[in-house]
Amino acid sequence: MICSFECSFCRDCVEDVLENVCPNCGGGFEKRPVRPKAKLDSYPPSAQEYKRAVDMDKFRELQERYKGIDPAKR
């Protein structure tokens, strides 16, 4: 799942932990688009993963403020 600032998280985290609130920007998430097969050879997805822990204590305030509001209206 990806937000408009391209923060990405797995679907389970977005749905079960983050409640569709990006911990970095407060935005919502959408399903990550699939790269067209014809472009994979020229533009392969990055093999490098960037992992950063979410400070859940700091995130709770943002989450409470936004989780019941449609992402387009935040």
Protein backbone atom coordinates (compact mmCIF):
# COMPACT_ATOMS: atom_id res chain seq x y z
CA MET A 1 0.00 0.00 0.00
CA ILE A 2 1.28 3.50 -0.81
CA CYS A 3 0.40 7.07 0.24
CA SER A 4 0.55 10.17 -1.97
CA PHE A 5 4.09 10.89 -0.72
CA GLU A 6 5.09 7.34 -1.71
CA CYS A 7 5.44 5.98 1.82
CA SER A 8 4.70 2.29 1.54
CA PHE A 9 3.59 -0.34 4.00
CA CYS A 10 2.20 -3.84 3.72
CA ARG A 11 -1.58 -4.23 3.54
CA ASP A 12 -1.77 -5.93 6.96
CA CYS A 13 -0.03 -2.99 8.65
CA VAL A 14 -2.15 -0.41 6.83
CA GLU A 15 -5.40 -2.13 7.72
CA ASP A 16 -4.69 -3.65 11.15
CA VAL A 17 -2.17 -1.29 12.75
CA LEU A 18 -2.16 2.06 10.96
CA GLU A 19 -5.92 2.10 10.26
CA ASN A 20 -5.28 3.73 6.85
CA VAL A 21 -3.41 6.71 8.37
CA CYS A 22 0.15 7.26 7.10
CA PRO A 23 2.41 7.75 10.15
CA ASN A 24 4.60 10.15 8.16
CA CYS A 25 2.07 12.51 6.56
CA GLY A 26 -1.39 11.59 7.89
CA GLY A 27 -2.65 10.68 4.42
CA GLY A 28 -4.46 7.55 3.37
CA PHE A 29 -3.18 4.59 1.39
CA GLU A 30 -4.04 3.06 -1.97
CA LYS A 31 -3.06 -0.24 -3.52
CA ARG A 32 0.38 0.04 -5.10
CA PRO A 33 0.04 -0.09 -8.89
CA VAL A 34 1.52 -3.00 -10.81
CA ARG A 35 4.35 -2.17 -13.19
CA PRO A 36 3.55 -3.21 -16.79
CA LYS A 37 5.26 -6.45 -17.73
CA ALA A 38 6.71 -4.90 -20.89
CA LYS A 39 8.59 -2.32 -18.77
CA LEU A 40 10.06 -4.68 -16.17
CA ASP A 41 13.27 -5.40 -18.08
CA SER A 42 14.00 -1.71 -18.67
CA TYR A 43 12.69 -0.51 -15.30
CA PRO A 44 13.01 -3.28 -12.72
CA PRO A 45 11.68 -2.64 -9.23
CA SER A 46 14.32 -1.81 -6.68
CA ALA A 47 15.63 -4.78 -4.73
CA GLN A 48 16.65 -2.51 -1.86
CA GLU A 49 14.23 -2.27 1.05
CA TYR A 50 14.05 0.77 3.29
CA LYS A 51 12.74 -0.05 6.72
CA ARG A 52 12.08 2.45 9.45
CA ALA A 53 10.27 1.70 12.66
CA VAL A 54 7.15 3.71 13.40
CA ASP A 55 7.16 5.43 16.80
CA MET A 56 3.69 4.21 17.77
CA ASP A 57 3.42 6.53 20.80
CA LYS A 58 3.93 9.62 18.61
CA PHE A 59 1.73 8.17 15.88
CA ARG A 60 -1.32 7.56 18.13
CA GLU A 61 -2.25 11.27 18.24
CA LEU A 62 -2.11 11.56 14.44
CA GLN A 63 -4.02 8.31 14.08
CA GLU A 64 -6.79 9.40 16.46
CA ARG A 65 -7.15 12.72 14.65
CA TYR A 66 -7.50 11.20 11.17
CA LYS A 67 -8.66 7.58 11.28
CA GLY A 68 -12.39 8.36 11.01
CA ILE A 69 -12.00 10.98 8.29
CA ASP A 70 -11.98 10.08 4.60
CA PRO A 71 -8.39 10.56 3.32
CA ALA A 72 -9.58 13.06 0.67
CA LYS A 73 -10.96 15.29 3.45
CA ARG A 74 -8.04 15.23 5.90
